[in-house]
Amino acid sequence: MSRPSPFVLTGIFLLFIAAYGGLPFLKGGLFLDSHEGDVYHLLDISFRMLQGQTPHLDFVTPLGILAFLPLLVALKAGLPFGAAFVVSQLMVALALLPVVVYAVVTRLSNRQAIVFGCVTFGLVLTMTYLQASSGVTVAMHYNRWAWAVAFVALLLAFFPTHGGSTARPKLDGVLIGTLATALLLTKITFFEGLAPAVLGALLVRRQASSVASALATGVILVGFATLFLGVGFWNAYLSDLINVSRSEVRPNVGLPLNELLAGPTYLAVTATALAAALLIRRAGHDALALVVLCLLYTSDAADDL
C-alpha cells in the first residue's frame, strides 16, 4: 500500500474545509429552521460565558466546557453569533487537521485517506443534525464534533501502521490521550462509551507504550485543566451529570440491547459491524473482533445525553 503524501492531503483537506466550511458565509447570514429551543439554550450559555461565568460552577449543564469554548473565542473576537458559530466550526476543523493528516497517512491508502478526512471534517462543518432532513440547525453541534474526534482516536487505536510508515507508538498514545481528554471535556458520554474499546484495541495489539503515553497525556491535560478551572470544577461537572441521570427526562442513556441490534434504524450498522467482526476473526484476530463487538454496544450511549 503506497504511503499518501501528507502535503497533498493537507492541501486537499484545507480546500475542503475552506469550501464546505465557508459556504454559510455566501448566504449572508445564518438562517435556522429547526431546533429553535436548542439555539436559545446555546445562546444563553454563550452569553453567560461572555460575562465571565464558567459551566458547572456558575450554571448547570451536562456538557463539557470544550463544547462552547471555540464559540466563546469567536464571540470575544467581536463576531455576531451566526458568524461566530461558523468560525468556531472552522477552528475545530483546523485544530483536528494535523492529527487527521498524521492518522490517515500512517494508516490508510490514498483514496481511503481522502474519504476518511472529508467525512471527518464534514461532520465538524455540517449544519444539520445528521438526519434525513434538509433543515439548517446548530443544535447538538457537540455531538458532531465529538464523533469527528472519536473517529480519529478509533483509527489510531484499531489500525496498525502500514508498511510504508514508521511505527510511533508513543506519539500515537499522546494523540489518543489528547483526543480522549477532548471528549471528556466536550461530552463525557463519548469518553465513557469509547474509552473501553480504544483501550481494548491497544491492549489486543500489544501497544503498551501507547497505553502508557495516552494515560500520561490524559493525566497531564486534566492537571492543566484543574490548574486553570480548580478542583471544584470537576465536582460541579460530576454533580451536573448526576442531576441529569436522576431526572425524569433522561434517566438512562442508550437503547436496550435488543433494539440496538434489531431495530430498523440501526440494522444496517449492526450488520456492518457483525460482518467486520467476522472478517477480522477469519483473519486470525479473535480478540480484536471481540473488541469491535464491544464497540458496537458501548458507542450507543455516546451521543445520547
C-alpha atoms as a PDB file:
ATOM      1  CA  MET A   1       0.000   0.000   0.000  1.00  0.00           C
ATOM      2  CA  SER A   2       1.594   3.266  -1.107  1.00  0.00           C
ATOM      3  CA  ARG A   3       2.040   5.948   1.521  1.00  0.00           C
ATOM      4  CA  PRO A   4      -0.131   9.030   0.885  1.00  0.00           C
ATOM      5  CA  SER A   5       1.637  12.377   0.691  1.00  0.00           C
ATOM      6  CA  PRO A   6       0.958  14.448   3.845  1.00  0.00           C
ATOM      7  CA  PHE A   7       1.448  17.681   1.889  1.00  0.00           C
ATOM      8  CA  VAL A   8      -1.028  16.733  -0.829  1.00  0.00           C
ATOM      9  CA  LEU A   9      -3.569  15.553   1.726  1.00  0.00           C
ATOM     10  CA  THR A  10      -3.145  18.724   3.766  1.00  0.00           C
ATOM     11  CA  GLY A  11      -3.849  20.785   0.649  1.00  0.00           C
ATOM     12  CA  ILE A  12      -6.924  18.710  -0.240  1.00  0.00           C
ATOM     13  CA  PHE A  13      -8.311  18.940   3.293  1.00  0.00           C
ATOM     14  CA  LEU A  14      -7.673  22.685   3.500  1.00  0.00           C
ATOM     15  CA  LEU A  15      -9.569  23.194   0.243  1.00  0.00           C
ATOM     16  CA  PHE A  16     -12.427  21.040   1.554  1.00  0.00           C
ATOM     17  CA  ILE A  17     -12.563  22.942   4.860  1.00  0.00           C
ATOM     18  CA  ALA A  18     -12.467  26.309   3.111  1.00  0.00           C
ATOM     19  CA  ALA A  19     -15.137  25.372   0.563  1.00  0.00           C
ATOM     20  CA  TYR A  20     -17.512  23.406   2.774  1.00  0.00           C
ATOM     21  CA  GLY A  21     -16.962  25.441   5.906  1.00  0.00           C
ATOM     22  CA  GLY A  22     -17.157  28.757   4.077  1.00  0.00           C
ATOM     23  CA  LEU A  23     -20.447  28.084   2.283  1.00  0.00           C
ATOM     24  CA  PRO A  24     -22.617  29.591   5.067  1.00  0.00           C
ATOM     25  CA  PHE A  25     -20.917  32.967   4.551  1.00  0.00           C
ATOM     26  CA  LEU A  26     -22.220  33.097   0.966  1.00  0.00           C
ATOM     27  CA  LYS A  27     -25.781  33.240   2.284  1.00  0.00           C
ATOM     28  CA  GLY A  28     -25.099  36.497   4.093  1.00  0.00           C
ATOM     29  CA  GLY A  29     -26.289  35.139   7.427  1.00  0.00           C
ATOM     30  CA  LEU A  30     -27.103  32.016   9.394  1.00  0.00           C
ATOM     31  CA  PHE A  31     -30.767  31.149   8.788  1.00  0.00           C
ATOM     32  CA  LEU A  32     -32.009  28.365  11.063  1.00  0.00           C
ATOM     33  CA  ASP A  33     -35.284  26.500  10.605  1.00  0.00           C
ATOM     34  CA  SER A  34     -35.203  23.744  13.240  1.00  0.00           C
ATOM     35  CA  HIS A  35     -34.313  23.028  16.874  1.00  0.00           C
ATOM     36  CA  GLU A  36     -35.016  26.582  17.962  1.00  0.00           C
ATOM     37  CA  GLY A  37     -35.056  25.615  21.648  1.00  0.00           C
ATOM     38  CA  ASP A  38     -31.509  24.276  21.396  1.00  0.00           C
ATOM     39  CA  VAL A  39     -30.430  27.527  19.765  1.00  0.00           C
ATOM     40  CA  TYR A  40     -31.798  29.555  22.672  1.00  0.00           C
ATOM     41  CA  HIS A  41     -30.005  27.223  25.068  1.00  0.00           C
ATOM     42  CA  LEU A  42     -26.719  27.728  23.192  1.00  0.00           C
ATOM     43  CA  LEU A  43     -27.237  31.498  23.125  1.00  0.00           C
ATOM     44  CA  ASP A  44     -27.872  31.566  26.860  1.00  0.00           C
ATOM     45  CA  ILE A  45     -24.713  29.592  27.646  1.00  0.00           C
ATOM     46  CA  SER A  46     -22.632  31.689  25.238  1.00  0.00           C
ATOM     47  CA  PHE A  47     -23.746  34.996  26.748  1.00  0.00           C
ATOM     48  CA  ARG A  48     -23.212  33.665  30.282  1.00  0.00           C
ATOM     49  CA  MET A  49     -19.653  32.709  29.406  1.00  0.00           C
ATOM     50  CA  LEU A  50     -19.092  36.093  27.775  1.00  0.00           C
ATOM     51  CA  GLN A  51     -19.982  37.617  31.144  1.00  0.00           C
ATOM     52  CA  GLY A  52     -17.285  35.519  32.790  1.00  0.00           C
ATOM     53  CA  GLN A  53     -19.355  32.593  34.046  1.00  0.00           C
ATOM     54  CA  THR A  54     -17.949  29.044  33.939  1.00  0.00           C
ATOM     55  CA  PRO A  55     -20.002  25.952  33.053  1.00  0.00           C
ATOM     56  CA  HIS A  56     -20.905  23.767  36.060  1.00  0.00           C
ATOM     57  CA  LEU A  57     -19.521  26.279  38.542  1.00  0.00           C
ATOM     58  CA  ASP A  58     -21.942  29.106  37.663  1.00  0.00           C
ATOM     59  CA  PHE A  59     -24.710  27.314  35.785  1.00  0.00           C
ATOM     60  CA  VAL A  60     -25.879  23.735  35.252  1.00  0.00           C
ATOM     61  CA  THR A  61     -25.131  21.820  32.058  1.00  0.00           C
ATOM     62  CA  PRO A  62     -24.149  18.192  31.425  1.00  0.00           C
ATOM     63  CA  LEU A  63     -21.937  19.305  28.517  1.00  0.00           C
ATOM     64  CA  GLY A  64     -18.220  19.953  28.834  1.00  0.00           C
ATOM     65  CA  ILE A  65     -16.573  23.340  28.502  1.00  0.00           C
ATOM     66  CA  LEU A  66     -14.970  22.494  25.140  1.00  0.00           C
ATOM     67  CA  ALA A  67     -18.440  22.252  23.595  1.00  0.00           C
ATOM     68  CA  PHE A  68     -18.635  26.049  23.949  1.00  0.00           C
ATOM     69  CA  LEU A  69     -15.047  27.321  24.131  1.00  0.00           C
ATOM     70  CA  PRO A  70     -14.438  27.703  20.350  1.00  0.00           C
ATOM     71  CA  LEU A  71     -17.681  29.676  20.044  1.00  0.00           C
ATOM     72  CA  LEU A  72     -16.677  31.836  23.001  1.00  0.00           C
ATOM     73  CA  VAL A  73     -13.331  32.672  21.376  1.00  0.00           C
ATOM     74  CA  ALA A  74     -15.091  33.765  18.172  1.00  0.00           C
ATOM     75  CA  LEU A  75     -17.639  35.841  20.104  1.00  0.00           C
ATOM     76  CA  LYS A  76     -14.880  37.565  22.076  1.00  0.00           C
ATOM     77  CA  ALA A  77     -13.292  38.495  18.751  1.00  0.00           C
ATOM     78  CA  GLY A  78     -16.367  40.643  18.127  1.00  0.00           C
ATOM     79  CA  LEU A  79     -18.239  38.437  15.670  1.00  0.00           C
ATOM     80  CA  PRO A  80     -22.037  38.175  15.783  1.00  0.00           C
ATOM     81  CA  PHE A  81     -23.432  34.846  16.892  1.00  0.00           C
ATOM     82  CA  GLY A  82     -24.095  33.419  13.414  1.00  0.00           C
ATOM     83  CA  ALA A  83     -20.635  34.219  12.065  1.00  0.00           C
ATOM     84  CA  ALA A  84     -19.053  33.182  15.362  1.00  0.00           C
ATOM     85  CA  PHE A  85     -20.661  29.743  15.178  1.00  0.00           C
ATOM     86  CA  VAL A  86     -19.420  29.185  11.624  1.00  0.00           C
ATOM     87  CA  VAL A  87     -15.923  30.346  12.596  1.00  0.00           C
ATOM     88  CA  SER A  88     -15.956  28.086  15.668  1.00  0.00           C
ATOM     89  CA  GLN A  89     -16.549  25.083  13.414  1.00  0.00           C
ATOM     90  CA  LEU A  90     -13.671  26.153  11.181  1.00  0.00           C
ATOM     91  CA  MET A  91     -11.473  26.448  14.280  1.00  0.00           C
ATOM     92  CA  VAL A  92     -12.317  22.898  15.362  1.00  0.00           C
ATOM     93  CA  ALA A  93     -11.647  21.550  11.861  1.00  0.00           C
ATOM     94  CA  LEU A  94      -8.257  23.290  11.672  1.00  0.00           C
ATOM     95  CA  ALA A  95      -7.339  22.054  15.154  1.00  0.00           C
ATOM     96  CA  LEU A  96      -8.055  18.476  14.022  1.00  0.00           C
ATOM     97  CA  LEU A  97      -6.241  18.874  10.682  1.00  0.00           C
ATOM     98  CA  PRO A  98      -2.695  17.838  11.722  1.00  0.00           C
ATOM     99  CA  VAL A  99      -3.978  14.860  13.746  1.00  0.00           C
ATOM    100  CA  VAL A 100      -6.182  13.684  10.880  1.00  0.00           C
ATOM    101  CA  VAL A 101      -3.335  14.005   8.377  1.00  0.00           C
ATOM    102  CA  TYR A 102      -0.989  12.014  10.609  1.00  0.00           C
ATOM    103  CA  ALA A 103      -3.603   9.320  11.262  1.00  0.00           C
ATOM    104  CA  VAL A 104      -4.585   8.769   7.629  1.00  0.00           C
ATOM    105  CA  VAL A 105      -1.029   8.964   6.288  1.00  0.00           C
ATOM    106  CA  THR A 106       0.178   6.262   8.663  1.00  0.00           C
ATOM    107  CA  ARG A 107      -2.897   4.010   8.477  1.00  0.00           C
ATOM    108  CA  LEU A 108      -4.719   4.306   5.163  1.00  0.00           C
ATOM    109  CA  SER A 109      -4.218   4.256   1.427  1.00  0.00           C
ATOM    110  CA  ASN A 110      -4.508   7.477  -0.538  1.00  0.00           C
ATOM    111  CA  ARG A 111      -8.175   7.037  -1.527  1.00  0.00           C
ATOM    112  CA  GLN A 112      -9.141   5.833   1.926  1.00  0.00           C
ATOM    113  CA  ALA A 113      -7.343   8.801   3.454  1.00  0.00           C
ATOM    114  CA  ILE A 114      -9.231  11.327   1.333  1.00  0.00           C
ATOM    115  CA  VAL A 115     -12.614   9.745   2.081  1.00  0.00           C
ATOM    116  CA  PHE A 116     -11.916   9.452   5.809  1.00  0.00           C
ATOM    117  CA  GLY A 117     -10.655  13.032   6.067  1.00  0.00           C
ATOM    118  CA  CYS A 118     -13.551  14.559   4.145  1.00  0.00           C
ATOM    119  CA  VAL A 119     -16.124  12.592   6.165  1.00  0.00           C
ATOM    120  CA  THR A 120     -14.462  13.637   9.423  1.00  0.00           C
ATOM    121  CA  PHE A 121     -14.273  17.314   8.505  1.00  0.00           C
ATOM    122  CA  GLY A 122     -17.765  17.126   7.068  1.00  0.00           C
ATOM    123  CA  LEU A 123     -19.007  16.044  10.494  1.00  0.00           C
ATOM    124  CA  VAL A 124     -17.384  19.084  12.062  1.00  0.00           C
ATOM    125  CA  LEU A 125     -18.618  21.591   9.493  1.00  0.00           C
ATOM    126  CA  THR A 126     -22.116  20.469   8.586  1.00  0.00           C
ATOM    127  CA  MET A 127     -25.212  22.437   9.612  1.00  0.00           C
ATOM    128  CA  THR A 128     -27.622  19.553  10.127  1.00  0.00           C
ATOM    129  CA  TYR A 129     -28.350  17.077  12.894  1.00  0.00           C
ATOM    130  CA  LEU A 130     -27.127  14.165  10.738  1.00  0.00           C
ATOM    131  CA  GLN A 131     -30.634  13.041   9.866  1.00  0.00           C
ATOM    132  CA  ALA A 132     -32.618  12.757   6.646  1.00  0.00           C
ATOM    133  CA  SER A 133     -33.708  16.377   6.829  1.00  0.00           C
ATOM    134  CA  SER A 134     -32.769  19.455   4.834  1.00  0.00           C
ATOM    135  CA  GLY A 135     -33.265  21.781   7.796  1.00  0.00           C
ATOM    136  CA  VAL A 136     -30.425  24.045   8.878  1.00  0.00           C
ATOM    137  CA  THR A 137     -29.587  23.866  12.573  1.00  0.00           C
ATOM    138  CA  VAL A 138     -26.775  24.438  15.051  1.00  0.00           C
ATOM    139  CA  ALA A 139     -28.365  22.044  17.547  1.00  0.00           C
ATOM    140  CA  MET A 140     -26.189  19.417  19.211  1.00  0.00           C
ATOM    141  CA  HIS A 141     -23.074  20.555  17.358  1.00  0.00           C
ATOM    142  CA  TYR A 142     -21.043  18.971  20.148  1.00  0.00           C
ATOM    143  CA  ASN A 143     -22.205  15.518  19.023  1.00  0.00           C
ATOM    144  CA  ARG A 144     -20.790  16.101  15.553  1.00  0.00           C
ATOM    145  CA  TRP A 145     -17.529  17.471  16.929  1.00  0.00           C
ATOM    146  CA  ALA A 146     -17.201  14.581  19.356  1.00  0.00           C
ATOM    147  CA  TRP A 147     -17.857  11.961  16.671  1.00  0.00           C
ATOM    148  CA  ALA A 148     -15.149  13.526  14.491  1.00  0.00           C
ATOM    149  CA  VAL A 149     -12.688  13.374  17.395  1.00  0.00           C
ATOM    150  CA  ALA A 150     -13.763   9.807  18.169  1.00  0.00           C
ATOM    151  CA  PHE A 151     -13.259   8.679  14.558  1.00  0.00           C
ATOM    152  CA  VAL A 152      -9.627   9.791  14.640  1.00  0.00           C
ATOM    153  CA  ALA A 153      -8.991   8.169  18.032  1.00  0.00           C
ATOM    154  CA  LEU A 154     -10.527   4.880  16.853  1.00  0.00           C
ATOM    155  CA  LEU A 155      -8.439   4.921  13.671  1.00  0.00           C
ATOM    156  CA  LEU A 156      -5.248   5.378  15.689  1.00  0.00           C
ATOM    157  CA  ALA A 157      -6.205   2.665  18.174  1.00  0.00           C
ATOM    158  CA  PHE A 158      -7.592  -0.038  15.882  1.00  0.00           C
ATOM    159  CA  PHE A 159      -5.458   0.266  12.751  1.00  0.00           C
ATOM    160  CA  PRO A 160      -1.743  -0.619  12.687  1.00  0.00           C
ATOM    161  CA  THR A 161       0.677   1.496  10.695  1.00  0.00           C
ATOM    162  CA  HIS A 162       1.065   0.235   7.145  1.00  0.00           C
ATOM    163  CA  GLY A 163       4.314  -0.887   5.575  1.00  0.00           C
ATOM    164  CA  GLY A 164       5.404   2.491   4.281  1.00  0.00           C
ATOM    165  CA  SER A 165       5.185   4.244   7.645  1.00  0.00           C
ATOM    166  CA  THR A 166       7.367   4.131  10.738  1.00  0.00           C
ATOM    167  CA  ALA A 167       5.539   2.989  13.861  1.00  0.00           C
ATOM    168  CA  ARG A 168       5.438   5.694  16.546  1.00  0.00           C
ATOM    169  CA  PRO A 169       3.509   4.098  19.432  1.00  0.00           C
ATOM    170  CA  LYS A 170       4.380   6.829  21.932  1.00  0.00           C
ATOM    171  CA  LEU A 171       3.195   9.574  19.590  1.00  0.00           C
ATOM    172  CA  ASP A 172       0.036   7.562  18.898  1.00  0.00           C
ATOM    173  CA  GLY A 173      -0.553   7.375  22.641  1.00  0.00           C
ATOM    174  CA  VAL A 174      -0.052  11.115  23.104  1.00  0.00           C
ATOM    175  CA  LEU A 175      -2.564  11.847  20.349  1.00  0.00           C
ATOM    176  CA  ILE A 176      -5.087   9.306  21.663  1.00  0.00           C
ATOM    177  CA  GLY A 177      -4.747  10.751  25.171  1.00  0.00           C
ATOM    178  CA  THR A 178      -5.277  14.264  23.838  1.00  0.00           C
ATOM    179  CA  LEU A 179      -8.339  13.233  21.836  1.00  0.00           C
ATOM    180  CA  ALA A 180      -9.774  11.307  24.794  1.00  0.00           C
ATOM    181  CA  THR A 181      -9.359  14.347  27.042  1.00  0.00           C
ATOM    182  CA  ALA A 182     -11.108  16.463  24.408  1.00  0.00           C
ATOM    183  CA  LEU A 183     -14.042  14.033  24.524  1.00  0.00           C
ATOM    184  CA  LEU A 184     -14.054  14.156  28.327  1.00  0.00           C
ATOM    185  CA  LEU A 185     -14.325  17.946  28.239  1.00  0.00           C
ATOM    186  CA  THR A 186     -16.812  18.048  25.366  1.00  0.00           C
ATOM    187  CA  LYS A 187     -19.332  15.315  26.196  1.00  0.00           C
ATOM    188  CA  ILE A 188     -18.415  12.731  28.773  1.00  0.00           C
ATOM    189  CA  THR A 189     -20.686  10.003  27.386  1.00  0.00           C
ATOM    190  CA  PHE A 190     -18.420   9.805  24.337  1.00  0.00           C
ATOM    191  CA  PHE A 191     -15.442   9.305  26.624  1.00  0.00           C
ATOM    192  CA  GLU A 192     -17.054   6.590  28.736  1.00  0.00           C
ATOM    193  CA  GLY A 193     -18.599   4.887  25.705  1.00  0.00           C
ATOM    194  CA  LEU A 194     -15.468   4.771  23.538  1.00  0.00           C
ATOM    195  CA  ALA A 195     -12.586   4.605  26.033  1.00  0.00           C
ATOM    196  CA  PRO A 196     -13.043   0.873  26.832  1.00  0.00           C
ATOM    197  CA  ALA A 197     -12.930  -0.056  23.144  1.00  0.00           C
ATOM    198  CA  VAL A 198      -9.887   2.148  22.476  1.00  0.00           C
ATOM    199  CA  LEU A 199      -8.056   0.701  25.479  1.00  0.00           C
ATOM    200  CA  GLY A 200      -9.064  -2.824  24.490  1.00  0.00           C
ATOM    201  CA  ALA A 201      -7.818  -2.360  20.917  1.00  0.00           C
ATOM    202  CA  LEU A 202      -4.442  -1.047  22.109  1.00  0.00           C
ATOM    203  CA  LEU A 203      -4.031  -3.917  24.585  1.00  0.00           C
ATOM    204  CA  VAL A 204      -5.017  -6.529  21.996  1.00  0.00           C
ATOM    205  CA  ARG A 205      -2.449  -5.061  19.602  1.00  0.00           C
ATOM    206  CA  ARG A 206       0.125  -5.130  22.436  1.00  0.00           C
ATOM    207  CA  GLN A 207       0.685  -1.404  22.327  1.00  0.00           C
ATOM    208  CA  ALA A 208       1.735  -0.992  25.958  1.00  0.00           C
ATOM    209  CA  SER A 209       3.791   2.133  25.239  1.00  0.00           C
ATOM    210  CA  SER A 210       0.778   3.730  23.522  1.00  0.00           C
ATOM    211  CA  VAL A 211      -1.414   2.957  26.536  1.00  0.00           C
ATOM    212  CA  ALA A 212       1.178   4.442  28.919  1.00  0.00           C
ATOM    213  CA  SER A 213       1.605   7.564  26.764  1.00  0.00           C
ATOM    214  CA  ALA A 214      -2.160   8.016  26.461  1.00  0.00           C
ATOM    215  CA  LEU A 215      -2.703   7.722  30.205  1.00  0.00           C
ATOM    216  CA  ALA A 216       0.181  10.084  30.986  1.00  0.00           C
ATOM    217  CA  THR A 217      -1.062  12.627  28.451  1.00  0.00           C
ATOM    218  CA  GLY A 218      -4.586  12.463  29.841  1.00  0.00           C
ATOM    219  CA  VAL A 219      -3.364  12.969  33.420  1.00  0.00           C
ATOM    220  CA  ILE A 220      -1.217  15.950  32.386  1.00  0.00           C
ATOM    221  CA  LEU A 221      -4.027  17.615  30.425  1.00  0.00           C
ATOM    222  CA  VAL A 222      -6.559  17.052  33.207  1.00  0.00           C
ATOM    223  CA  GLY A 223      -3.972  18.522  35.574  1.00  0.00           C
ATOM    224  CA  PHE A 224      -3.682  21.664  33.443  1.00  0.00           C
ATOM    225  CA  ALA A 225      -7.476  21.942  33.293  1.00  0.00           C
ATOM    226  CA  THR A 226      -7.640  21.621  37.074  1.00  0.00           C
ATOM    227  CA  LEU A 227      -4.942  24.272  37.433  1.00  0.00           C
ATOM    228  CA  PHE A 228      -6.991  26.785  35.430  1.00  0.00           C
ATOM    229  CA  LEU A 229     -10.516  25.767  36.486  1.00  0.00           C
ATOM    230  CA  GLY A 230      -9.955  24.499  40.019  1.00  0.00           C
ATOM    231  CA  VAL A 231     -10.735  21.210  41.731  1.00  0.00           C
ATOM    232  CA  GLY A 232     -14.314  22.360  42.295  1.00  0.00           C
ATOM    233  CA  PHE A 233     -14.900  22.326  38.548  1.00  0.00           C
ATOM    234  CA  TRP A 234     -14.764  18.524  38.474  1.00  0.00           C
ATOM    235  CA  ASN A 235     -17.062  18.194  41.468  1.00  0.00           C
ATOM    236  CA  ALA A 236     -19.558  20.536  39.812  1.00  0.00           C
ATOM    237  CA  TYR A 237     -19.245  18.682  36.476  1.00  0.00           C
ATOM    238  CA  LEU A 238     -19.985  15.367  38.206  1.00  0.00           C
ATOM    239  CA  SER A 239     -22.899  16.930  40.086  1.00  0.00           C
ATOM    240  CA  ASP A 240     -24.459  18.176  36.843  1.00  0.00           C
ATOM    241  CA  LEU A 241     -24.141  14.711  35.297  1.00  0.00           C
ATOM    242  CA  ILE A 242     -25.746  13.099  38.345  1.00  0.00           C
ATOM    243  CA  ASN A 243     -28.613  15.599  38.160  1.00  0.00           C
ATOM    244  CA  VAL A 244     -29.287  14.611  34.555  1.00  0.00           C
ATOM    245  CA  SER A 245     -29.103  10.880  35.302  1.00  0.00           C
ATOM    246  CA  ARG A 246     -31.633  11.304  38.124  1.00  0.00           C
ATOM    247  CA  SER A 247     -34.021  13.464  36.129  1.00  0.00           C
ATOM    248  CA  GLU A 248     -37.245  12.115  34.679  1.00  0.00           C
ATOM    249  CA  VAL A 249     -36.355  13.447  31.226  1.00  0.00           C
ATOM    250  CA  ARG A 250     -33.138  11.447  30.622  1.00  0.00           C
ATOM    251  CA  PRO A 251     -32.694   8.926  33.438  1.00  0.00           C
ATOM    252  CA  ASN A 252     -30.791   6.481  31.228  1.00  0.00           C
ATOM    253  CA  VAL A 253     -28.650   6.827  28.141  1.00  0.00           C
ATOM    254  CA  GLY A 254     -28.582   4.456  25.215  1.00  0.00           C
ATOM    255  CA  LEU A 255     -31.096   1.914  23.996  1.00  0.00           C
ATOM    256  CA  PRO A 256     -31.973  -1.624  25.092  1.00  0.00           C
ATOM    257  CA  LEU A 257     -29.631  -4.162  23.524  1.00  0.00           C
ATOM    258  CA  ASN A 258     -32.407  -5.868  21.510  1.00  0.00           C
ATOM    259  CA  GLU A 259     -33.491  -2.560  19.966  1.00  0.00           C
ATOM    260  CA  LEU A 260     -29.899  -1.598  19.221  1.00  0.00           C
ATOM    261  CA  LEU A 261     -29.203  -4.882  17.454  1.00  0.00           C
ATOM    262  CA  ALA A 262     -32.506  -5.440  15.637  1.00  0.00           C
ATOM    263  CA  GLY A 263     -34.138  -2.008  15.382  1.00  0.00           C
ATOM    264  CA  PRO A 264     -34.666  -0.841  11.784  1.00  0.00           C
ATOM    265  CA  THR A 265     -32.765   2.399  12.389  1.00  0.00           C
ATOM    266  CA  TYR A 266     -29.618   0.548  13.431  1.00  0.00           C
ATOM    267  CA  LEU A 267     -29.950  -2.672  11.455  1.00  0.00           C
ATOM    268  CA  ALA A 268     -27.519  -1.644   8.685  1.00  0.00           C
ATOM    269  CA  VAL A 269     -24.930  -0.530  11.234  1.00  0.00           C
ATOM    270  CA  THR A 270     -25.341  -3.769  13.189  1.00  0.00           C
ATOM    271  CA  ALA A 271     -24.967  -5.878  10.056  1.00  0.00           C
ATOM    272  CA  THR A 272     -21.847  -3.956   9.003  1.00  0.00           C
ATOM    273  CA  ALA A 273     -20.274  -4.290  12.454  1.00  0.00           C
ATOM    274  CA  LEU A 274     -21.030  -8.019  12.626  1.00  0.00           C
ATOM    275  CA  ALA A 275     -19.575  -8.536   9.152  1.00  0.00           C
ATOM    276  CA  ALA A 276     -16.450  -6.600  10.136  1.00  0.00           C
ATOM    277  CA  ALA A 277     -16.053  -8.683  13.294  1.00  0.00           C
ATOM    278  CA  LEU A 278     -16.420 -11.928  11.315  1.00  0.00           C
ATOM    279  CA  LEU A 279     -13.835 -10.850   8.736  1.00  0.00           C
ATOM    280  CA  ILE A 280     -11.412  -9.755  11.461  1.00  0.00           C
ATOM    281  CA  ARG A 281     -11.860 -13.120  13.200  1.00  0.00           C
ATOM    282  CA  ARG A 282     -11.305 -15.022   9.954  1.00  0.00           C
ATOM    283  CA  ALA A 283      -8.058 -13.085   9.562  1.00  0.00           C
ATOM    284  CA  GLY A 284      -6.926 -14.573  12.865  1.00  0.00           C
ATOM    285  CA  HIS A 285      -7.574 -11.653  15.210  1.00  0.00           C
ATOM    286  CA  ASP A 286     -10.157 -13.155  17.558  1.00  0.00           C
ATOM    287  CA  ALA A 287      -9.608 -10.729  20.454  1.00  0.00           C
ATOM    288  CA  LEU A 288      -9.782  -7.672  18.192  1.00  0.00           C
ATOM    289  CA  ALA A 289     -13.053  -8.963  16.709  1.00  0.00           C
ATOM    290  CA  LEU A 290     -14.451  -9.128  20.237  1.00  0.00           C
ATOM    291  CA  VAL A 291     -13.365  -5.518  20.837  1.00  0.00           C
ATOM    292  CA  VAL A 292     -15.234  -4.469  17.684  1.00  0.00           C
ATOM    293  CA  LEU A 293     -18.412  -6.087  19.021  1.00  0.00           C
ATOM    294  CA  CYS A 294     -17.846  -4.313  22.334  1.00  0.00           C
ATOM    295  CA  LEU A 295     -17.526  -1.024  20.466  1.00  0.00           C
ATOM    296  CA  LEU A 296     -20.861  -1.662  18.735  1.00  0.00           C
ATOM    297  CA  TYR A 297     -22.628  -1.735  22.079  1.00  0.00           C
ATOM    298  CA  THR A 298     -20.707   0.883  24.080  1.00  0.00           C
ATOM    299  CA  SER A 299     -20.802   3.519  21.341  1.00  0.00           C
ATOM    300  CA  ASP A 300     -24.621   3.550  21.521  1.00  0.00           C
ATOM    301  CA  ALA A 301     -24.517   5.638  24.713  1.00  0.00           C
ATOM    302  CA  ALA A 302     -22.063   8.166  23.314  1.00  0.00           C
ATOM    303  CA  ASP A 303     -24.363  10.859  21.907  1.00  0.00           C
ATOM    304  CA  ASP A 304     -27.484  10.117  23.951  1.00  0.00           C
ATOM    305  CA  LEU A 305     -27.140  12.500  26.891  1.00  0.00           C
END
